[in-house]
Amino acid sequence: MNFMIDFEKLEALPGARLGHVNLWVTDLNRATDFYCKILGLTVSCYGPDFGLPTVFLAFGDYHHHIALNWFYSDSGDAKRSGHRGLNHFAIVYPDECSLAKTVSRVLHHGISIDDARDHGASLSAYLRDLDGNGIELYYDRPRVHWFDSTGHLAIKAEPFDVRQWLEDTRDCILEEPAQPMSDQYLVAIR
């Protein structure tokens, strides 16, 4: 098998890059201390202050490069006891159209979208690769949408309808005036 890449034929997405890593941790404060005090990240959002077991960490002024998540039951015990490590890694696309093209291609190849969320600062689609690894595909909205009126990072996780979103972005997906999107691109949505 030849693993050499013909870069002349590669359809690259200019501006796409790794965006962040989302980790399950067994002790949120211990993990926050490690990433901040030892590796030099700063806390951009401390979720426990408003009831979320998540801490966003960043280098510089990005919303987050690492998300730490601790999930617990009503009794305070870890729901995912013994489970730690990668929740998902994320790929950030330069704009909504690039994300829509990628999501459309994912669905065209019969890969399911597990979830789709409007996070305020970003719009995200979640899936698993062929080995079950979690992947988030997203794009960042302009920075003016990242913060609330008090200057805090605006965090939300509202589901959105992928079918409707792809229909709304179909002109940029097809890059020409289009007929209504074929159901072949939408069959893999759960």
C-alpha atoms as a PDB file:
ATOM      1  CA  MET A   1       0.000   0.000   0.000  1.00  0.00           C
ATOM      2  CA  ASN A   2       1.364   3.421  -0.944  1.00  0.00           C
ATOM      3  CA  PHE A   3       0.987   6.020   1.803  1.00  0.00           C
ATOM      4  CA  MET A   4       2.683   8.805  -0.120  1.00  0.00           C
ATOM      5  CA  ILE A   5       0.432  11.815  -0.644  1.00  0.00           C
ATOM      6  CA  ASP A   6       0.161  13.577  -3.964  1.00  0.00           C
ATOM      7  CA  PHE A   7      -0.157  17.129  -2.624  1.00  0.00           C
ATOM      8  CA  GLU A   8      -1.064  18.408  -6.085  1.00  0.00           C
ATOM      9  CA  LYS A   9      -4.312  16.397  -6.012  1.00  0.00           C
ATOM     10  CA  LEU A  10      -5.149  16.918  -2.339  1.00  0.00           C
ATOM     11  CA  GLU A  11      -8.311  18.975  -1.746  1.00  0.00           C
ATOM     12  CA  ALA A  12      -7.148  20.895   1.303  1.00  0.00           C
ATOM     13  CA  LEU A  13      -9.358  23.126   3.365  1.00  0.00           C
ATOM     14  CA  PRO A  14      -7.282  26.263   3.868  1.00  0.00           C
ATOM     15  CA  GLY A  15      -7.546  27.552   7.403  1.00  0.00           C
ATOM     16  CA  ALA A  16      -8.794  24.287   8.966  1.00  0.00           C
ATOM     17  CA  ARG A  17      -6.775  23.271  12.020  1.00  0.00           C
ATOM     18  CA  LEU A  18      -7.004  21.374  15.270  1.00  0.00           C
ATOM     19  CA  GLY A  19      -9.152  23.471  17.547  1.00  0.00           C
ATOM     20  CA  HIS A  20      -9.219  21.852  20.985  1.00  0.00           C
ATOM     21  CA  VAL A  21      -9.086  18.621  22.960  1.00  0.00           C
ATOM     22  CA  ASN A  22     -11.888  17.606  25.329  1.00  0.00           C
ATOM     23  CA  LEU A  23     -10.819  15.337  28.201  1.00  0.00           C
ATOM     24  CA  TRP A  24     -12.619  13.318  30.877  1.00  0.00           C
ATOM     25  CA  VAL A  25     -10.859  13.791  34.221  1.00  0.00           C
ATOM     26  CA  THR A  26     -11.334  12.158  37.617  1.00  0.00           C
ATOM     27  CA  ASP A  27     -10.541  15.293  39.646  1.00  0.00           C
ATOM     28  CA  LEU A  28     -11.400  18.625  38.034  1.00  0.00           C
ATOM     29  CA  ASN A  29      -9.378  20.831  40.393  1.00  0.00           C
ATOM     30  CA  ARG A  30      -6.305  18.608  40.275  1.00  0.00           C
ATOM     31  CA  ALA A  31      -6.410  18.558  36.465  1.00  0.00           C
ATOM     32  CA  THR A  32      -6.909  22.342  36.328  1.00  0.00           C
ATOM     33  CA  ASP A  33      -3.888  22.868  38.578  1.00  0.00           C
ATOM     34  CA  PHE A  34      -1.760  20.575  36.430  1.00  0.00           C
ATOM     35  CA  TYR A  35      -2.624  22.234  33.118  1.00  0.00           C
ATOM     36  CA  CYS A  36      -2.323  25.762  34.519  1.00  0.00           C
ATOM     37  CA  LYS A  37       0.532  25.589  37.025  1.00  0.00           C
ATOM     38  CA  ILE A  38       2.718  23.120  35.159  1.00  0.00           C
ATOM     39  CA  LEU A  39       1.835  23.498  31.469  1.00  0.00           C
ATOM     40  CA  GLY A  40       1.048  27.222  31.486  1.00  0.00           C
ATOM     41  CA  LEU A  41      -2.571  27.420  30.307  1.00  0.00           C
ATOM     42  CA  THR A  42      -5.019  29.869  31.876  1.00  0.00           C
ATOM     43  CA  VAL A  43      -8.646  29.344  32.875  1.00  0.00           C
ATOM     44  CA  SER A  44     -10.936  31.025  30.345  1.00  0.00           C
ATOM     45  CA  CYS A  45     -14.132  29.671  31.941  1.00  0.00           C
ATOM     46  CA  TYR A  46     -14.610  27.966  35.307  1.00  0.00           C
ATOM     47  CA  GLY A  47     -17.890  26.071  34.919  1.00  0.00           C
ATOM     48  CA  PRO A  48     -18.317  25.044  38.597  1.00  0.00           C
ATOM     49  CA  ASP A  49     -19.003  28.730  39.367  1.00  0.00           C
ATOM     50  CA  PHE A  50     -22.337  28.311  37.580  1.00  0.00           C
ATOM     51  CA  GLY A  51     -23.057  24.614  38.041  1.00  0.00           C
ATOM     52  CA  LEU A  52     -21.186  22.994  35.123  1.00  0.00           C
ATOM     53  CA  PRO A  53     -18.515  20.372  35.832  1.00  0.00           C
ATOM     54  CA  THR A  54     -16.279  21.764  33.074  1.00  0.00           C
ATOM     55  CA  VAL A  55     -13.236  24.014  32.936  1.00  0.00           C
ATOM     56  CA  PHE A  56     -12.049  25.663  29.719  1.00  0.00           C
ATOM     57  CA  LEU A  57      -8.311  26.287  29.467  1.00  0.00           C
ATOM     58  CA  ALA A  58      -6.495  28.332  26.849  1.00  0.00           C
ATOM     59  CA  PHE A  59      -3.204  29.738  25.707  1.00  0.00           C
ATOM     60  CA  GLY A  60      -3.770  33.438  25.096  1.00  0.00           C
ATOM     61  CA  ASP A  61      -7.232  34.798  24.342  1.00  0.00           C
ATOM     62  CA  TYR A  62      -8.869  31.851  22.540  1.00  0.00           C
ATOM     63  CA  HIS A  63     -12.084  30.483  24.118  1.00  0.00           C
ATOM     64  CA  HIS A  64     -10.428  27.124  24.853  1.00  0.00           C
ATOM     65  CA  HIS A  65      -7.714  24.786  23.691  1.00  0.00           C
ATOM     66  CA  ILE A  66      -8.480  22.153  26.345  1.00  0.00           C
ATOM     67  CA  ALA A  67     -11.814  21.371  28.010  1.00  0.00           C
ATOM     68  CA  LEU A  68     -11.717  19.357  31.214  1.00  0.00           C
ATOM     69  CA  ASN A  69     -14.913  17.486  32.115  1.00  0.00           C
ATOM     70  CA  TRP A  70     -15.876  15.682  35.285  1.00  0.00           C
ATOM     71  CA  PHE A  71     -19.252  13.978  35.340  1.00  0.00           C
ATOM     72  CA  TYR A  72     -20.900  13.037  38.597  1.00  0.00           C
ATOM     73  CA  SER A  73     -24.112  11.435  39.782  1.00  0.00           C
ATOM     74  CA  ASP A  74     -26.668  12.955  42.168  1.00  0.00           C
ATOM     75  CA  SER A  75     -24.853  11.234  45.047  1.00  0.00           C
ATOM     76  CA  GLY A  76     -21.618  13.006  44.104  1.00  0.00           C
ATOM     77  CA  ASP A  77     -19.919   9.853  42.853  1.00  0.00           C
ATOM     78  CA  ALA A  78     -18.170   9.927  39.511  1.00  0.00           C
ATOM     79  CA  LYS A  79     -20.550   8.566  36.847  1.00  0.00           C
ATOM     80  CA  ARG A  80     -17.619   7.615  34.708  1.00  0.00           C
ATOM     81  CA  SER A  81     -15.515   6.243  37.558  1.00  0.00           C
ATOM     82  CA  GLY A  82     -12.295   4.831  36.244  1.00  0.00           C
ATOM     83  CA  HIS A  83     -12.931   6.439  32.862  1.00  0.00           C
ATOM     84  CA  ARG A  84     -10.601   9.218  31.975  1.00  0.00           C
ATOM     85  CA  GLY A  85      -8.873  10.338  28.837  1.00  0.00           C
ATOM     86  CA  LEU A  86     -10.060  11.564  25.489  1.00  0.00           C
ATOM     87  CA  ASN A  87     -13.699  12.563  25.123  1.00  0.00           C
ATOM     88  CA  HIS A  88     -13.082  14.048  21.672  1.00  0.00           C
ATOM     89  CA  PHE A  89     -10.677  16.138  19.686  1.00  0.00           C
ATOM     90  CA  ALA A  90     -11.941  19.026  17.618  1.00  0.00           C
ATOM     91  CA  ILE A  91     -11.213  20.378  14.167  1.00  0.00           C
ATOM     92  CA  VAL A  92     -12.040  24.046  13.643  1.00  0.00           C
ATOM     93  CA  TYR A  93     -12.976  25.220  10.151  1.00  0.00           C
ATOM     94  CA  PRO A  94     -12.379  28.767   8.933  1.00  0.00           C
ATOM     95  CA  ASP A  95     -16.050  29.508   8.247  1.00  0.00           C
ATOM     96  CA  GLU A  96     -19.563  28.093   8.254  1.00  0.00           C
ATOM     97  CA  CYS A  97     -19.425  27.102   4.602  1.00  0.00           C
ATOM     98  CA  SER A  98     -16.287  24.976   5.104  1.00  0.00           C
ATOM     99  CA  LEU A  99     -17.952  23.245   8.054  1.00  0.00           C
ATOM    100  CA  ALA A 100     -21.159  22.651   6.062  1.00  0.00           C
ATOM    101  CA  LYS A 101     -19.196  21.130   3.166  1.00  0.00           C
ATOM    102  CA  THR A 102     -17.390  18.790   5.551  1.00  0.00           C
ATOM    103  CA  VAL A 103     -20.572  17.720   7.382  1.00  0.00           C
ATOM    104  CA  SER A 104     -22.257  17.123   4.037  1.00  0.00           C
ATOM    105  CA  ARG A 105     -19.304  14.971   2.918  1.00  0.00           C
ATOM    106  CA  VAL A 106     -19.397  13.020   6.215  1.00  0.00           C
ATOM    107  CA  LEU A 107     -23.067  12.221   5.692  1.00  0.00           C
ATOM    108  CA  HIS A 108     -22.550  11.444   1.996  1.00  0.00           C
ATOM    109  CA  HIS A 109     -20.118   8.704   3.073  1.00  0.00           C
ATOM    110  CA  GLY A 110     -22.710   7.173   5.419  1.00  0.00           C
ATOM    111  CA  ILE A 111     -21.117   8.330   8.670  1.00  0.00           C
ATOM    112  CA  SER A 112     -23.616   9.349  11.352  1.00  0.00           C
ATOM    113  CA  ILE A 113     -23.681  12.699  13.071  1.00  0.00           C
ATOM    114  CA  ASP A 114     -24.191  11.844  16.759  1.00  0.00           C
ATOM    115  CA  ASP A 115     -25.067  15.354  17.914  1.00  0.00           C
ATOM    116  CA  ALA A 116     -25.126  18.974  16.724  1.00  0.00           C
ATOM    117  CA  ARG A 117     -24.871  21.933  19.098  1.00  0.00           C
ATOM    118  CA  ASP A 118     -24.955  25.694  18.934  1.00  0.00           C
ATOM    119  CA  HIS A 119     -22.446  26.769  21.579  1.00  0.00           C
ATOM    120  CA  GLY A 120     -22.903  30.493  21.025  1.00  0.00           C
ATOM    121  CA  ALA A 121     -19.247  31.121  20.201  1.00  0.00           C
ATOM    122  CA  SER A 122     -19.253  28.173  17.814  1.00  0.00           C
ATOM    123  CA  LEU A 123     -21.452  25.757  15.879  1.00  0.00           C
ATOM    124  CA  SER A 124     -20.508  22.076  16.279  1.00  0.00           C
ATOM    125  CA  ALA A 125     -21.266  18.659  14.812  1.00  0.00           C
ATOM    126  CA  TYR A 126     -20.142  15.542  16.701  1.00  0.00           C
ATOM    127  CA  LEU A 127     -19.328  12.144  15.224  1.00  0.00           C
ATOM    128  CA  ARG A 128     -17.114   9.112  15.751  1.00  0.00           C
ATOM    129  CA  ASP A 129     -14.388   7.924  13.455  1.00  0.00           C
ATOM    130  CA  LEU A 130     -14.318   4.342  12.204  1.00  0.00           C
ATOM    131  CA  ASP A 131     -12.602   3.219  15.439  1.00  0.00           C
ATOM    132  CA  GLY A 132     -15.074   4.998  17.722  1.00  0.00           C
ATOM    133  CA  ASN A 133     -12.934   8.044  18.597  1.00  0.00           C
ATOM    134  CA  GLY A 134     -14.945  11.192  19.263  1.00  0.00           C
ATOM    135  CA  ILE A 135     -14.549  14.113  16.873  1.00  0.00           C
ATOM    136  CA  GLU A 136     -16.088  17.564  17.003  1.00  0.00           C
ATOM    137  CA  LEU A 137     -16.238  19.554  13.766  1.00  0.00           C
ATOM    138  CA  TYR A 138     -16.909  23.256  14.339  1.00  0.00           C
ATOM    139  CA  TYR A 139     -16.416  26.825  13.256  1.00  0.00           C
ATOM    140  CA  ASP A 140     -16.008  29.892  15.416  1.00  0.00           C
ATOM    141  CA  ARG A 141     -18.441  32.738  15.050  1.00  0.00           C
ATOM    142  CA  PRO A 142     -16.943  36.249  15.143  1.00  0.00           C
ATOM    143  CA  ARG A 143     -15.511  37.185  18.577  1.00  0.00           C
ATOM    144  CA  VAL A 144     -18.374  39.605  19.281  1.00  0.00           C
ATOM    145  CA  HIS A 145     -20.579  36.506  19.830  1.00  0.00           C
ATOM    146  CA  TRP A 146     -18.171  34.861  22.304  1.00  0.00           C
ATOM    147  CA  PHE A 147     -18.985  36.927  25.384  1.00  0.00           C
ATOM    148  CA  ASP A 148     -22.095  37.917  27.314  1.00  0.00           C
ATOM    149  CA  SER A 149     -22.955  41.477  28.376  1.00  0.00           C
ATOM    150  CA  THR A 150     -20.758  41.134  31.482  1.00  0.00           C
ATOM    151  CA  GLY A 151     -17.701  40.056  29.475  1.00  0.00           C
ATOM    152  CA  HIS A 152     -17.826  36.380  30.483  1.00  0.00           C
ATOM    153  CA  LEU A 153     -17.452  33.640  27.917  1.00  0.00           C
ATOM    154  CA  ALA A 154     -20.981  32.800  26.733  1.00  0.00           C
ATOM    155  CA  ILE A 155     -21.474  29.058  27.020  1.00  0.00           C
ATOM    156  CA  LYS A 156     -24.501  27.169  25.807  1.00  0.00           C
ATOM    157  CA  ALA A 157     -25.180  23.803  24.249  1.00  0.00           C
ATOM    158  CA  GLU A 158     -28.431  24.151  22.312  1.00  0.00           C
ATOM    159  CA  PRO A 159     -29.189  21.379  19.831  1.00  0.00           C
ATOM    160  CA  PHE A 160     -29.835  22.418  16.254  1.00  0.00           C
ATOM    161  CA  ASP A 161     -31.404  20.674  13.292  1.00  0.00           C
ATOM    162  CA  VAL A 162     -28.573  19.528  10.984  1.00  0.00           C
ATOM    163  CA  ARG A 163     -31.031  18.844   8.156  1.00  0.00           C
ATOM    164  CA  GLN A 164     -32.349  22.416   8.244  1.00  0.00           C
ATOM    165  CA  TRP A 165     -28.863  23.896   8.665  1.00  0.00           C
ATOM    166  CA  LEU A 166     -27.546  22.017   5.620  1.00  0.00           C
ATOM    167  CA  GLU A 167     -30.592  23.143   3.658  1.00  0.00           C
ATOM    168  CA  ASP A 168     -29.930  26.749   4.745  1.00  0.00           C
ATOM    169  CA  THR A 169     -26.274  26.497   3.662  1.00  0.00           C
ATOM    170  CA  ARG A 170     -26.844  24.493   0.475  1.00  0.00           C
ATOM    171  CA  ASP A 171     -25.819  27.339  -1.832  1.00  0.00           C
ATOM    172  CA  CYS A 172     -22.326  27.491  -0.380  1.00  0.00           C
ATOM    173  CA  ILE A 173     -22.066  23.678  -0.177  1.00  0.00           C
ATOM    174  CA  LEU A 174     -22.771  23.304  -3.870  1.00  0.00           C
ATOM    175  CA  GLU A 175     -21.123  26.637  -4.813  1.00  0.00           C
ATOM    176  CA  GLU A 176     -23.845  27.331  -7.356  1.00  0.00           C
ATOM    177  CA  PRO A 177     -27.604  27.865  -7.268  1.00  0.00           C
ATOM    178  CA  ALA A 178     -28.949  24.510  -6.214  1.00  0.00           C
ATOM    179  CA  GLN A 179     -31.942  22.264  -6.262  1.00  0.00           C
ATOM    180  CA  PRO A 180     -33.243  21.211  -2.804  1.00  0.00           C
ATOM    181  CA  MET A 181     -30.683  19.023  -1.059  1.00  0.00           C
ATOM    182  CA  SER A 182     -31.021  15.342  -1.799  1.00  0.00           C
ATOM    183  CA  ASP A 183     -31.951  13.062   1.082  1.00  0.00           C
ATOM    184  CA  GLN A 184     -28.820  11.031   0.268  1.00  0.00           C
ATOM    185  CA  TYR A 185     -26.876  13.599   2.324  1.00  0.00           C
ATOM    186  CA  LEU A 186     -29.272  13.422   5.235  1.00  0.00           C
ATOM    187  CA  VAL A 187     -29.944   9.733   5.753  1.00  0.00           C
ATOM    188  CA  ALA A 188     -27.154   9.282   8.276  1.00  0.00           C
ATOM    189  CA  ILE A 189     -28.472  11.879  10.716  1.00  0.00           C
ATOM    190  CA  ARG A 190     -29.871  10.246  13.823  1.00  0.00           C
END
